[in-house]
Amino acid sequence: MHANPDAVRWGIIGTASIARAKIIPALQASPWCEIRAVGSRSQDSAEAFAREFDIPRAYGSYEAVLEDPEVEAVYIPLPNHLHIDIALAAAARGKHVLCEKPVALTAGEAERLRDIPDGILVAEAFMVRYHPQWEALRARLRSGEHGAVCAVQVVLSCTLSNPGDFRFNPDFGGGALYDVGSYAAMTARFIFESEPERVFCAMEHDPANGTDYLCSAILDFGRGRHACFTVGLKMAAAQRVQVICEQSMLELPAPYIATAGAPAEILIDSCTGLENSAPKRNAMPGAEQYEREVTHFAQAVRGRQPLPFGAKDAIRQMRVIDALFASAISGTWEMVRSA
């Protein structure tokens, strides 16, 4: 018996590394979550995973987890091309869904989320939105103390050395825009709290597999508000978010991969000229962002608080991704569909 009788009972769809390294520990640490089952493509894999993490039930298929009457919510860390169909199948069986990004490969696929049953929650797993530094950043921007937000700059890159990684397979939804560009687009939308009107995107593709490994973009939010980002999968690891307001520049030095428990900070520079730049550190306690994410989702399932980023947000996100891909192909600005 779980210590919290209101804990949400979870099933894990797949045994991906992100589940093993991040989400399983987060679910086990949260008093609002209880893992009841795991499903894999083979019974042996599921049983090995279940033994490793002391999960009561192991299934040799994803479908079996969805049929388990004790499972109330599922986490989906599968390759990108499988996300939307599994999410819809889970929702149709009355399961709430926390799905890794991107929730789909196109906006058209994501639009199918409009048909999920009433009362079923579906969210894209952007864990950073629940980190205290992101909450503090939004609070500062909403306060108006730094003036209006004018521009957002994002850099997010890593070095993937395994050529067999699904992120280098276009059939599986691989590529930099889906993998790390999703974070960059979400960041701009989170900060401006609106949707871009049009986008421009440039990509470089790997001739060996056809996936985009470098992506740079401009997002025009209208009324003199721009965001730009560069993301990549074959570059030195880098992460940065800068928000340039009328009166200050705010920066998150570790916006995406924040060390659990380590102090977080926002750098704030209110200089009037480059010669007198003197960033001030606004520190705050660190936090485990994955645990905060699953706890918030579980509490939303129980009706204890609203889910701020649900299916509608995931659909809007994919409209931006669609436009970015279209721009990379056309070489011109592309409008972002609003409805």
C-alpha atoms as a PDB file:
ATOM      1  CA  MET A   1       0.000   0.000   0.000  1.00  0.00           C
ATOM      2  CA  HIS A   2       1.383   3.386  -1.009  1.00  0.00           C
ATOM      3  CA  ALA A   3       1.779   5.927   1.796  1.00  0.00           C
ATOM      4  CA  ASN A   4      -0.401   8.379  -0.125  1.00  0.00           C
ATOM      5  CA  PRO A   5      -3.785   6.834  -0.995  1.00  0.00           C
ATOM      6  CA  ASP A   6      -4.233   9.539  -3.657  1.00  0.00           C
ATOM      7  CA  ALA A   7      -1.022   8.605  -5.481  1.00  0.00           C
ATOM      8  CA  VAL A   8      -1.523   8.128  -9.220  1.00  0.00           C
ATOM      9  CA  ARG A   9      -0.705   4.625 -10.486  1.00  0.00           C
ATOM     10  CA  TRP A  10       1.655   4.756 -13.468  1.00  0.00           C
ATOM     11  CA  GLY A  11       2.620   2.476 -16.314  1.00  0.00           C
ATOM     12  CA  ILE A  12       5.857   2.954 -18.245  1.00  0.00           C
ATOM     13  CA  ILE A  13       5.669   2.412 -22.007  1.00  0.00           C
ATOM     14  CA  GLY A  14       9.165   1.335 -22.989  1.00  0.00           C
ATOM     15  CA  THR A  15      12.527   1.030 -21.287  1.00  0.00           C
ATOM     16  CA  ALA A  16      14.370   3.984 -22.841  1.00  0.00           C
ATOM     17  CA  SER A  17      17.386   5.540 -21.161  1.00  0.00           C
ATOM     18  CA  ILE A  18      15.471   8.723 -20.263  1.00  0.00           C
ATOM     19  CA  ALA A  19      12.996   6.596 -18.322  1.00  0.00           C
ATOM     20  CA  ARG A  20      15.761   4.735 -16.508  1.00  0.00           C
ATOM     21  CA  ALA A  21      17.881   7.802 -15.722  1.00  0.00           C
ATOM     22  CA  LYS A  22      15.283  10.470 -15.022  1.00  0.00           C
ATOM     23  CA  ILE A  23      11.599   9.583 -14.909  1.00  0.00           C
ATOM     24  CA  ILE A  24      11.675   6.346 -12.916  1.00  0.00           C
ATOM     25  CA  PRO A  25      13.691   7.981 -10.090  1.00  0.00           C
ATOM     26  CA  ALA A  26      11.359  10.980 -10.223  1.00  0.00           C
ATOM     27  CA  LEU A  27       8.221   8.853 -10.004  1.00  0.00           C
ATOM     28  CA  GLN A  28       9.679   6.830  -7.143  1.00  0.00           C
ATOM     29  CA  ALA A  29      10.638   9.987  -5.260  1.00  0.00           C
ATOM     30  CA  SER A  30       7.253  11.675  -5.651  1.00  0.00           C
ATOM     31  CA  PRO A  31       4.665  10.993  -2.939  1.00  0.00           C
ATOM     32  CA  TRP A  32       2.004  11.511  -5.613  1.00  0.00           C
ATOM     33  CA  CYS A  33       3.174   8.716  -7.891  1.00  0.00           C
ATOM     34  CA  GLU A  34       3.343   4.932  -7.791  1.00  0.00           C
ATOM     35  CA  ILE A  35       4.730   2.784 -10.605  1.00  0.00           C
ATOM     36  CA  ARG A  36       2.578  -0.277 -11.189  1.00  0.00           C
ATOM     37  CA  ALA A  37       3.702  -1.649 -14.564  1.00  0.00           C
ATOM     38  CA  VAL A  38       6.236  -1.480 -17.372  1.00  0.00           C
ATOM     39  CA  GLY A  39       5.870  -2.667 -20.948  1.00  0.00           C
ATOM     40  CA  SER A  40       8.543  -3.443 -23.519  1.00  0.00           C
ATOM     41  CA  ARG A  41       8.735  -5.093 -26.928  1.00  0.00           C
ATOM     42  CA  SER A  42       9.929  -8.286 -25.230  1.00  0.00           C
ATOM     43  CA  GLN A  43       8.938  -9.970 -21.994  1.00  0.00           C
ATOM     44  CA  ASP A  44      12.578 -10.490 -21.018  1.00  0.00           C
ATOM     45  CA  SER A  45      13.370  -6.800 -21.371  1.00  0.00           C
ATOM     46  CA  ALA A  46      10.300  -5.796 -19.380  1.00  0.00           C
ATOM     47  CA  GLU A  47      11.066  -8.265 -16.592  1.00  0.00           C
ATOM     48  CA  ALA A  48      14.690  -7.143 -16.329  1.00  0.00           C
ATOM     49  CA  PHE A  49      13.579  -3.516 -16.098  1.00  0.00           C
ATOM     50  CA  ALA A  50      10.918  -4.393 -13.529  1.00  0.00           C
ATOM     51  CA  ARG A  51      13.457  -6.228 -11.371  1.00  0.00           C
ATOM     52  CA  GLU A  52      15.884  -3.319 -11.555  1.00  0.00           C
ATOM     53  CA  PHE A  53      13.302  -0.817 -10.342  1.00  0.00           C
ATOM     54  CA  ASP A  54      11.047  -3.064  -8.239  1.00  0.00           C
ATOM     55  CA  ILE A  55       8.013  -2.604 -10.490  1.00  0.00           C
ATOM     56  CA  PRO A  56       5.201  -5.099  -9.734  1.00  0.00           C
ATOM     57  CA  ARG A  57       4.105  -5.950 -13.291  1.00  0.00           C
ATOM     58  CA  ALA A  58       6.120  -6.522 -16.469  1.00  0.00           C
ATOM     59  CA  TYR A  59       4.490  -6.891 -19.875  1.00  0.00           C
ATOM     60  CA  GLY A  60       5.974  -8.000 -23.172  1.00  0.00           C
ATOM     61  CA  SER A  61       3.990  -5.424 -25.137  1.00  0.00           C
ATOM     62  CA  TYR A  62       2.959  -1.798 -24.854  1.00  0.00           C
ATOM     63  CA  GLU A  63      -0.683  -2.697 -25.394  1.00  0.00           C
ATOM     64  CA  ALA A  64      -0.755  -4.848 -22.263  1.00  0.00           C
ATOM     65  CA  VAL A  65       0.118  -1.843 -20.101  1.00  0.00           C
ATOM     66  CA  LEU A  66      -2.785   0.078 -21.618  1.00  0.00           C
ATOM     67  CA  GLU A  67      -5.124  -2.806 -20.791  1.00  0.00           C
ATOM     68  CA  ASP A  68      -4.030  -2.988 -17.143  1.00  0.00           C
ATOM     69  CA  PRO A  69      -7.008  -1.714 -15.091  1.00  0.00           C
ATOM     70  CA  GLU A  70      -4.745  -0.575 -12.253  1.00  0.00           C
ATOM     71  CA  VAL A  71      -2.760   1.806 -14.456  1.00  0.00           C
ATOM     72  CA  GLU A  72      -4.173   5.334 -14.397  1.00  0.00           C
ATOM     73  CA  ALA A  73      -1.444   7.240 -16.244  1.00  0.00           C
ATOM     74  CA  VAL A  74       1.322   6.321 -18.647  1.00  0.00           C
ATOM     75  CA  TYR A  75       4.699   7.802 -19.463  1.00  0.00           C
ATOM     76  CA  ILE A  76       5.837   7.441 -23.091  1.00  0.00           C
ATOM     77  CA  PRO A  77       9.605   7.668 -23.794  1.00  0.00           C
ATOM     78  CA  LEU A  78       9.541   5.807 -27.128  1.00  0.00           C
ATOM     79  CA  PRO A  79      11.151   6.945 -30.403  1.00  0.00           C
ATOM     80  CA  ASN A  80       9.382  10.019 -31.729  1.00  0.00           C
ATOM     81  CA  HIS A  81       7.406   8.402 -34.546  1.00  0.00           C
ATOM     82  CA  LEU A  82       5.550   6.183 -32.056  1.00  0.00           C
ATOM     83  CA  HIS A  83       4.427   8.919 -29.683  1.00  0.00           C
ATOM     84  CA  ILE A  84       1.095  10.039 -31.090  1.00  0.00           C
ATOM     85  CA  ASP A  85      -0.416   6.600 -31.768  1.00  0.00           C
ATOM     86  CA  ILE A  86       0.488   5.272 -28.315  1.00  0.00           C
ATOM     87  CA  ALA A  87      -0.737   8.482 -26.670  1.00  0.00           C
ATOM     88  CA  LEU A  88      -4.081   8.273 -28.449  1.00  0.00           C
ATOM     89  CA  ALA A  89      -4.440   4.561 -27.677  1.00  0.00           C
ATOM     90  CA  ALA A  90      -3.756   5.246 -24.007  1.00  0.00           C
ATOM     91  CA  ALA A  91      -6.220   8.135 -23.860  1.00  0.00           C
ATOM     92  CA  ALA A  92      -8.889   6.017 -25.554  1.00  0.00           C
ATOM     93  CA  ARG A  93      -8.515   3.517 -22.702  1.00  0.00           C
ATOM     94  CA  GLY A  94      -8.936   6.215 -20.092  1.00  0.00           C
ATOM     95  CA  LYS A  95      -5.254   6.638 -19.240  1.00  0.00           C
ATOM     96  CA  HIS A  96      -3.703  10.048 -18.669  1.00  0.00           C
ATOM     97  CA  VAL A  97      -0.572  10.620 -20.761  1.00  0.00           C
ATOM     98  CA  LEU A  98       2.793  12.237 -20.110  1.00  0.00           C
ATOM     99  CA  CYS A  99       4.641  11.948 -23.420  1.00  0.00           C
ATOM    100  CA  GLU A 100       8.191  12.832 -24.336  1.00  0.00           C
ATOM    101  CA  LYS A 101       8.587  15.554 -26.914  1.00  0.00           C
ATOM    102  CA  PRO A 102       7.685  15.874 -29.675  1.00  0.00           C
ATOM    103  CA  VAL A 103       4.185  14.590 -29.057  1.00  0.00           C
ATOM    104  CA  ALA A 104       3.859  13.996 -32.813  1.00  0.00           C
ATOM    105  CA  LEU A 105       5.838  14.476 -36.015  1.00  0.00           C
ATOM    106  CA  THR A 106       3.427  16.972 -37.580  1.00  0.00           C
ATOM    107  CA  ALA A 107       0.768  19.403 -36.466  1.00  0.00           C
ATOM    108  CA  GLY A 108      -1.772  17.332 -38.366  1.00  0.00           C
ATOM    109  CA  GLU A 109      -0.935  14.326 -36.211  1.00  0.00           C
ATOM    110  CA  ALA A 110      -1.062  16.436 -33.050  1.00  0.00           C
ATOM    111  CA  GLU A 111      -4.507  17.766 -33.993  1.00  0.00           C
ATOM    112  CA  ARG A 112      -5.837  14.263 -33.320  1.00  0.00           C
ATOM    113  CA  LEU A 113      -5.422  15.042 -29.617  1.00  0.00           C
ATOM    114  CA  ARG A 114      -8.581  17.121 -29.908  1.00  0.00           C
ATOM    115  CA  ASP A 115     -10.503  13.849 -29.962  1.00  0.00           C
ATOM    116  CA  ILE A 116      -9.283  12.517 -26.612  1.00  0.00           C
ATOM    117  CA  PRO A 117     -12.049  11.761 -24.088  1.00  0.00           C
ATOM    118  CA  ASP A 118     -13.148  14.514 -21.728  1.00  0.00           C
ATOM    119  CA  GLY A 119     -11.258  14.499 -18.457  1.00  0.00           C
ATOM    120  CA  ILE A 120      -8.158  12.789 -19.849  1.00  0.00           C
ATOM    121  CA  LEU A 121      -4.953  14.792 -19.479  1.00  0.00           C
ATOM    122  CA  VAL A 122      -2.203  14.719 -22.100  1.00  0.00           C
ATOM    123  CA  ALA A 123       1.010  16.702 -21.703  1.00  0.00           C
ATOM    124  CA  GLU A 124       4.360  16.987 -23.437  1.00  0.00           C
ATOM    125  CA  ALA A 125       7.202  16.277 -21.033  1.00  0.00           C
ATOM    126  CA  PHE A 126       9.099  19.570 -21.010  1.00  0.00           C
ATOM    127  CA  MET A 127      10.383  19.166 -17.469  1.00  0.00           C
ATOM    128  CA  VAL A 128      12.123  22.550 -17.337  1.00  0.00           C
ATOM    129  CA  ARG A 129       8.819  24.397 -17.144  1.00  0.00           C
ATOM    130  CA  TYR A 130       8.495  23.147 -13.560  1.00  0.00           C
ATOM    131  CA  HIS A 131      11.969  24.144 -12.386  1.00  0.00           C
ATOM    132  CA  PRO A 132      11.974  27.047  -9.879  1.00  0.00           C
ATOM    133  CA  GLN A 133      14.346  29.077 -12.060  1.00  0.00           C
ATOM    134  CA  TRP A 134      11.851  29.017 -14.936  1.00  0.00           C
ATOM    135  CA  GLU A 135       8.999  29.894 -12.599  1.00  0.00           C
ATOM    136  CA  ALA A 136      11.072  32.749 -11.154  1.00  0.00           C
ATOM    137  CA  LEU A 137      11.963  33.983 -14.642  1.00  0.00           C
ATOM    138  CA  ARG A 138       8.323  34.085 -15.682  1.00  0.00           C
ATOM    139  CA  ALA A 139       7.349  35.885 -12.458  1.00  0.00           C
ATOM    140  CA  ARG A 140      10.001  38.547 -13.068  1.00  0.00           C
ATOM    141  CA  LEU A 141       8.904  39.086 -16.653  1.00  0.00           C
ATOM    142  CA  ARG A 142       5.251  39.305 -15.666  1.00  0.00           C
ATOM    143  CA  SER A 143       6.054  41.875 -12.975  1.00  0.00           C
ATOM    144  CA  GLY A 144       7.169  44.362 -15.607  1.00  0.00           C
ATOM    145  CA  GLU A 145      10.146  45.467 -13.518  1.00  0.00           C
ATOM    146  CA  HIS A 146      12.515  44.902 -16.435  1.00  0.00           C
ATOM    147  CA  GLY A 147      10.259  46.406 -19.091  1.00  0.00           C
ATOM    148  CA  ALA A 148       8.736  44.582 -22.021  1.00  0.00           C
ATOM    149  CA  VAL A 149      10.476  41.533 -23.452  1.00  0.00           C
ATOM    150  CA  CYS A 150      12.055  42.425 -26.797  1.00  0.00           C
ATOM    151  CA  ALA A 151      14.117  39.389 -27.751  1.00  0.00           C
ATOM    152  CA  VAL A 152      14.954  35.836 -26.706  1.00  0.00           C
ATOM    153  CA  GLN A 153      18.128  33.988 -27.635  1.00  0.00           C
ATOM    154  CA  VAL A 154      18.561  30.241 -27.130  1.00  0.00           C
ATOM    155  CA  VAL A 155      21.507  27.908 -27.674  1.00  0.00           C
ATOM    156  CA  LEU A 156      21.191  24.172 -27.018  1.00  0.00           C
ATOM    157  CA  SER A 157      23.557  21.577 -28.420  1.00  0.00           C
ATOM    158  CA  CYS A 158      25.191  18.248 -27.696  1.00  0.00           C
ATOM    159  CA  THR A 159      27.427  15.641 -29.279  1.00  0.00           C
ATOM    160  CA  LEU A 160      25.757  12.353 -30.197  1.00  0.00           C
ATOM    161  CA  SER A 161      28.449   9.793 -30.919  1.00  0.00           C
ATOM    162  CA  ASN A 162      26.345   6.672 -31.500  1.00  0.00           C
ATOM    163  CA  PRO A 163      25.418   6.419 -35.198  1.00  0.00           C
ATOM    164  CA  GLY A 164      22.725   3.907 -34.269  1.00  0.00           C
ATOM    165  CA  ASP A 165      20.875   6.418 -32.080  1.00  0.00           C
ATOM    166  CA  PHE A 166      17.277   6.808 -33.291  1.00  0.00           C
ATOM    167  CA  ARG A 167      17.869  10.556 -33.414  1.00  0.00           C
ATOM    168  CA  PHE A 168      19.934   9.915 -36.546  1.00  0.00           C
ATOM    169  CA  ASN A 169      17.083   8.005 -38.200  1.00  0.00           C
ATOM    170  CA  PRO A 170      14.650  10.182 -40.197  1.00  0.00           C
ATOM    171  CA  ASP A 171      12.035   7.417 -40.221  1.00  0.00           C
ATOM    172  CA  PHE A 172      11.949   7.546 -36.419  1.00  0.00           C
ATOM    173  CA  GLY A 173      11.585  11.320 -36.226  1.00  0.00           C
ATOM    174  CA  GLY A 174      15.263  11.995 -35.701  1.00  0.00           C
ATOM    175  CA  GLY A 175      17.110  15.257 -36.136  1.00  0.00           C
ATOM    176  CA  ALA A 176      18.097  18.357 -34.212  1.00  0.00           C
ATOM    177  CA  LEU A 177      14.839  20.278 -34.616  1.00  0.00           C
ATOM    178  CA  TYR A 178      12.700  17.523 -33.125  1.00  0.00           C
ATOM    179  CA  ASP A 179      15.204  16.652 -30.408  1.00  0.00           C
ATOM    180  CA  VAL A 180      16.637  19.936 -29.124  1.00  0.00           C
ATOM    181  CA  GLY A 181      14.859  22.476 -31.307  1.00  0.00           C
ATOM    182  CA  SER A 182      11.615  21.504 -29.604  1.00  0.00           C
ATOM    183  CA  TYR A 183      13.053  22.896 -26.376  1.00  0.00           C
ATOM    184  CA  ALA A 184      14.129  26.112 -28.074  1.00  0.00           C
ATOM    185  CA  ALA A 185      10.727  26.721 -29.670  1.00  0.00           C
ATOM    186  CA  MET A 186       8.976  25.925 -26.393  1.00  0.00           C
ATOM    187  CA  THR A 187      11.278  28.359 -24.585  1.00  0.00           C
ATOM    188  CA  ALA A 188      10.336  31.268 -26.825  1.00  0.00           C
ATOM    189  CA  ARG A 189       6.632  30.452 -26.483  1.00  0.00           C
ATOM    190  CA  PHE A 190       6.983  30.133 -22.701  1.00  0.00           C
ATOM    191  CA  ILE A 191       8.722  33.492 -22.336  1.00  0.00           C
ATOM    192  CA  PHE A 192       6.496  35.504 -24.664  1.00  0.00           C
ATOM    193  CA  GLU A 193       3.372  33.610 -23.521  1.00  0.00           C
ATOM    194  CA  SER A 194       2.090  33.746 -27.082  1.00  0.00           C
ATOM    195  CA  GLU A 195       2.618  32.123 -30.461  1.00  0.00           C
ATOM    196  CA  PRO A 196       4.954  33.283 -33.249  1.00  0.00           C
ATOM    197  CA  GLU A 197       3.308  34.712 -36.333  1.00  0.00           C
ATOM    198  CA  ARG A 198       6.003  33.598 -38.774  1.00  0.00           C
ATOM    199  CA  VAL A 199       9.349  31.799 -38.724  1.00  0.00           C
ATOM    200  CA  PHE A 200      12.526  31.483 -40.768  1.00  0.00           C
ATOM    201  CA  CYS A 201      14.744  28.419 -40.477  1.00  0.00           C
ATOM    202  CA  ALA A 202      18.027  27.141 -41.907  1.00  0.00           C
ATOM    203  CA  MET A 203      19.193  23.540 -41.557  1.00  0.00           C
ATOM    204  CA  GLU A 204      22.218  21.407 -42.306  1.00  0.00           C
ATOM    205  CA  HIS A 205      21.608  17.730 -43.047  1.00  0.00           C
ATOM    206  CA  ASP A 206      23.838  14.716 -42.541  1.00  0.00           C
ATOM    207  CA  PRO A 207      24.424  13.117 -45.959  1.00  0.00           C
ATOM    208  CA  ALA A 208      24.863   9.731 -44.295  1.00  0.00           C
ATOM    209  CA  ASN A 209      21.339   9.548 -42.888  1.00  0.00           C
ATOM    210  CA  GLY A 210      19.370  12.609 -44.017  1.00  0.00           C
ATOM    211  CA  THR A 211      18.616  14.015 -40.573  1.00  0.00           C
ATOM    212  CA  ASP A 212      19.171  17.654 -39.695  1.00  0.00           C
ATOM    213  CA  TYR A 213      22.092  18.024 -37.315  1.00  0.00           C
ATOM    214  CA  LEU A 214      22.259  21.839 -37.170  1.00  0.00           C
ATOM    215  CA  CYS A 215      19.301  24.185 -37.094  1.00  0.00           C
ATOM    216  CA  SER A 216      19.070  27.963 -36.667  1.00  0.00           C
ATOM    217  CA  ALA A 217      15.846  29.944 -36.673  1.00  0.00           C
ATOM    218  CA  ILE A 218      14.142  33.283 -36.139  1.00  0.00           C
ATOM    219  CA  LEU A 219      10.644  33.394 -34.659  1.00  0.00           C
ATOM    220  CA  ASP A 220       8.677  36.618 -35.158  1.00  0.00           C
ATOM    221  CA  PHE A 221       6.074  37.096 -32.423  1.00  0.00           C
ATOM    222  CA  GLY A 222       4.867  40.411 -33.822  1.00  0.00           C
ATOM    223  CA  ARG A 223       4.846  43.849 -32.197  1.00  0.00           C
ATOM    224  CA  GLY A 224       8.651  44.036 -32.258  1.00  0.00           C
ATOM    225  CA  ARG A 225       9.267  40.725 -30.467  1.00  0.00           C
ATOM    226  CA  HIS A 226      11.801  38.265 -31.858  1.00  0.00           C
ATOM    227  CA  ALA A 227      13.331  34.991 -30.745  1.00  0.00           C
ATOM    228  CA  CYS A 228      16.291  33.254 -32.326  1.00  0.00           C
ATOM    229  CA  PHE A 229      17.924  29.921 -31.636  1.00  0.00           C
ATOM    230  CA  THR A 230      20.680  27.594 -32.742  1.00  0.00           C
ATOM    231  CA  VAL A 231      20.529  23.907 -31.868  1.00  0.00           C
ATOM    232  CA  GLY A 232      22.674  20.968 -32.886  1.00  0.00           C
ATOM    233  CA  LEU A 233      23.509  17.315 -32.336  1.00  0.00           C
ATOM    234  CA  LYS A 234      27.113  17.258 -33.582  1.00  0.00           C
ATOM    235  CA  MET A 235      28.541  20.202 -31.651  1.00  0.00           C
ATOM    236  CA  ALA A 236      30.140  20.877 -28.306  1.00  0.00           C
ATOM    237  CA  ALA A 237      27.584  20.730 -25.509  1.00  0.00           C
ATOM    238  CA  ALA A 238      26.154  24.177 -24.804  1.00  0.00           C
ATOM    239  CA  GLN A 239      23.028  25.608 -23.206  1.00  0.00           C
ATOM    240  CA  ARG A 240      21.917  29.183 -22.688  1.00  0.00           C
ATOM    241  CA  VAL A 241      18.738  31.240 -22.558  1.00  0.00           C
ATOM    242  CA  GLN A 242      18.944  35.031 -22.713  1.00  0.00           C
ATOM    243  CA  VAL A 243      15.968  37.350 -22.419  1.00  0.00           C
ATOM    244  CA  ILE A 244      16.579  40.943 -23.511  1.00  0.00           C
ATOM    245  CA  CYS A 245      14.025  43.341 -22.081  1.00  0.00           C
ATOM    246  CA  GLU A 246      13.723  47.109 -22.411  1.00  0.00           C
ATOM    247  CA  GLN A 247      15.631  47.724 -19.193  1.00  0.00           C
ATOM    248  CA  SER A 248      17.510  44.514 -18.385  1.00  0.00           C
ATOM    249  CA  MET A 249      19.029  41.367 -19.802  1.00  0.00           C
ATOM    250  CA  LEU A 250      18.182  38.157 -17.933  1.00  0.00           C
ATOM    251  CA  GLU A 251      20.062  34.914 -18.465  1.00  0.00           C
ATOM    252  CA  LEU A 252      19.625  31.318 -17.341  1.00  0.00           C
ATOM    253  CA  PRO A 253      23.158  29.855 -17.367  1.00  0.00           C
ATOM    254  CA  ALA A 254      21.910  26.256 -17.023  1.00  0.00           C
ATOM    255  CA  PRO A 255      18.349  26.362 -18.337  1.00  0.00           C
ATOM    256  CA  TYR A 256      17.833  22.771 -19.474  1.00  0.00           C
ATOM    257  CA  ILE A 257      20.290  20.471 -17.742  1.00  0.00           C
ATOM    258  CA  ALA A 258      20.135  21.849 -14.228  1.00  0.00           C
ATOM    259  CA  THR A 259      22.000  19.831 -11.605  1.00  0.00           C
ATOM    260  CA  ALA A 260      19.462  18.368  -9.190  1.00  0.00           C
ATOM    261  CA  GLY A 261      19.744  19.936  -5.764  1.00  0.00           C
ATOM    262  CA  ALA A 262      22.395  22.443  -6.822  1.00  0.00           C
ATOM    263  CA  PRO A 263      21.571  26.141  -6.459  1.00  0.00           C
ATOM    264  CA  ALA A 264      20.010  27.697  -9.550  1.00  0.00           C
ATOM    265  CA  GLU A 265      20.384  31.281 -10.611  1.00  0.00           C
ATOM    266  CA  ILE A 266      19.215  34.006 -12.934  1.00  0.00           C
ATOM    267  CA  LEU A 267      21.809  36.532 -14.083  1.00  0.00           C
ATOM    268  CA  ILE A 268      20.342  40.038 -14.324  1.00  0.00           C
ATOM    269  CA  ASP A 269      22.188  42.873 -16.046  1.00  0.00           C
ATOM    270  CA  SER A 270      20.555  46.310 -16.020  1.00  0.00           C
ATOM    271  CA  CYS A 271      23.476  48.166 -17.577  1.00  0.00           C
ATOM    272  CA  THR A 272      22.883  51.263 -19.694  1.00  0.00           C
ATOM    273  CA  GLY A 273      25.936  50.574 -21.836  1.00  0.00           C
ATOM    274  CA  LEU A 274      28.247  47.684 -22.577  1.00  0.00           C
ATOM    275  CA  GLU A 275      31.074  49.387 -20.729  1.00  0.00           C
ATOM    276  CA  ASN A 276      29.261  49.203 -17.382  1.00  0.00           C
ATOM    277  CA  SER A 277      27.880  45.680 -17.656  1.00  0.00           C
ATOM    278  CA  ALA A 278      27.696  44.127 -14.199  1.00  0.00           C
ATOM    279  CA  PRO A 279      25.418  41.079 -14.028  1.00  0.00           C
ATOM    280  CA  LYS A 280      23.901  40.359 -10.638  1.00  0.00           C
ATOM    281  CA  ARG A 281      23.283  36.791  -9.547  1.00  0.00           C
ATOM    282  CA  ASN A 282      19.804  36.019  -8.311  1.00  0.00           C
ATOM    283  CA  ALA A 283      20.232  32.630  -6.636  1.00  0.00           C
ATOM    284  CA  MET A 284      17.544  30.218  -5.503  1.00  0.00           C
ATOM    285  CA  PRO A 285      17.469  26.677  -4.129  1.00  0.00           C
ATOM    286  CA  GLY A 286      17.872  23.929  -6.673  1.00  0.00           C
ATOM    287  CA  ALA A 287      15.235  21.315  -7.346  1.00  0.00           C
ATOM    288  CA  GLU A 288      14.682  18.016  -9.119  1.00  0.00           C
ATOM    289  CA  GLN A 289      12.749  19.226 -12.163  1.00  0.00           C
ATOM    290  CA  TYR A 290      11.615  15.768 -13.251  1.00  0.00           C
ATOM    291  CA  GLU A 291      10.120  15.053  -9.845  1.00  0.00           C
ATOM    292  CA  ARG A 292       8.346  18.412  -9.876  1.00  0.00           C
ATOM    293  CA  GLU A 293       7.005  17.629 -13.346  1.00  0.00           C
ATOM    294  CA  VAL A 294       5.501  14.244 -12.474  1.00  0.00           C
ATOM    295  CA  THR A 295       4.182  15.523  -9.149  1.00  0.00           C
ATOM    296  CA  HIS A 296       2.417  18.433 -10.821  1.00  0.00           C
ATOM    297  CA  PHE A 297       0.954  16.112 -13.451  1.00  0.00           C
ATOM    298  CA  ALA A 298      -0.277  13.649 -10.824  1.00  0.00           C
ATOM    299  CA  GLN A 299      -1.832  16.415  -8.745  1.00  0.00           C
ATOM    300  CA  ALA A 300      -3.589  17.668 -11.877  1.00  0.00           C
ATOM    301  CA  VAL A 301      -4.936  14.159 -12.466  1.00  0.00           C
ATOM    302  CA  ARG A 302      -6.365  14.254  -8.940  1.00  0.00           C
ATOM    303  CA  GLY A 303      -7.826  17.722  -9.499  1.00  0.00           C
ATOM    304  CA  ARG A 304      -5.562  19.338  -6.922  1.00  0.00           C
ATOM    305  CA  GLN A 305      -4.279  21.941  -9.398  1.00  0.00           C
ATOM    306  CA  PRO A 306      -4.705  22.784 -13.090  1.00  0.00           C
ATOM    307  CA  LEU A 307      -2.435  21.447 -15.813  1.00  0.00           C
ATOM    308  CA  PRO A 308      -0.969  24.595 -17.412  1.00  0.00           C
ATOM    309  CA  PHE A 309       0.511  22.849 -20.451  1.00  0.00           C
ATOM    310  CA  GLY A 310      -1.810  20.234 -21.873  1.00  0.00           C
ATOM    311  CA  ALA A 311      -2.968  18.926 -25.243  1.00  0.00           C
ATOM    312  CA  LYS A 312      -3.783  22.367 -26.668  1.00  0.00           C
ATOM    313  CA  ASP A 313      -0.273  23.566 -25.884  1.00  0.00           C
ATOM    314  CA  ALA A 314       1.201  20.478 -27.550  1.00  0.00           C
ATOM    315  CA  ILE A 315      -0.820  21.185 -30.701  1.00  0.00           C
ATOM    316  CA  ARG A 316       0.348  24.806 -30.814  1.00  0.00           C
ATOM    317  CA  GLN A 317       3.934  23.671 -30.308  1.00  0.00           C
ATOM    318  CA  MET A 318       3.737  21.337 -33.294  1.00  0.00           C
ATOM    319  CA  ARG A 319       2.349  24.117 -35.499  1.00  0.00           C
ATOM    320  CA  VAL A 320       5.561  26.032 -34.843  1.00  0.00           C
ATOM    321  CA  ILE A 321       7.704  22.973 -35.590  1.00  0.00           C
ATOM    322  CA  ASP A 322       5.768  22.412 -38.830  1.00  0.00           C
ATOM    323  CA  ALA A 323       6.414  25.992 -39.940  1.00  0.00           C
ATOM    324  CA  LEU A 324      10.120  25.693 -39.128  1.00  0.00           C
ATOM    325  CA  PHE A 325      10.463  22.582 -41.279  1.00  0.00           C
ATOM    326  CA  ALA A 326       8.523  24.281 -44.083  1.00  0.00           C
ATOM    327  CA  SER A 327      10.818  27.306 -43.955  1.00  0.00           C
ATOM    328  CA  ALA A 328      13.933  25.144 -44.084  1.00  0.00           C
ATOM    329  CA  ILE A 329      12.584  23.614 -47.294  1.00  0.00           C
ATOM    330  CA  SER A 330      11.292  26.808 -48.929  1.00  0.00           C
ATOM    331  CA  GLY A 331      14.130  29.091 -47.853  1.00  0.00           C
ATOM    332  CA  THR A 332      11.607  31.803 -47.009  1.00  0.00           C
ATOM    333  CA  TRP A 333       9.543  33.018 -44.084  1.00  0.00           C
ATOM    334  CA  GLU A 334       6.609  30.734 -43.304  1.00  0.00           C
ATOM    335  CA  MET A 335       3.471  31.683 -41.425  1.00  0.00           C
ATOM    336  CA  VAL A 336       2.522  29.713 -38.319  1.00  0.00           C
ATOM    337  CA  ARG A 337      -0.995  28.372 -38.551  1.00  0.00           C
ATOM    338  CA  SER A 338      -3.135  29.849 -35.780  1.00  0.00           C
ATOM    339  CA  ALA A 339      -6.245  27.675 -36.032  1.00  0.00           C
END
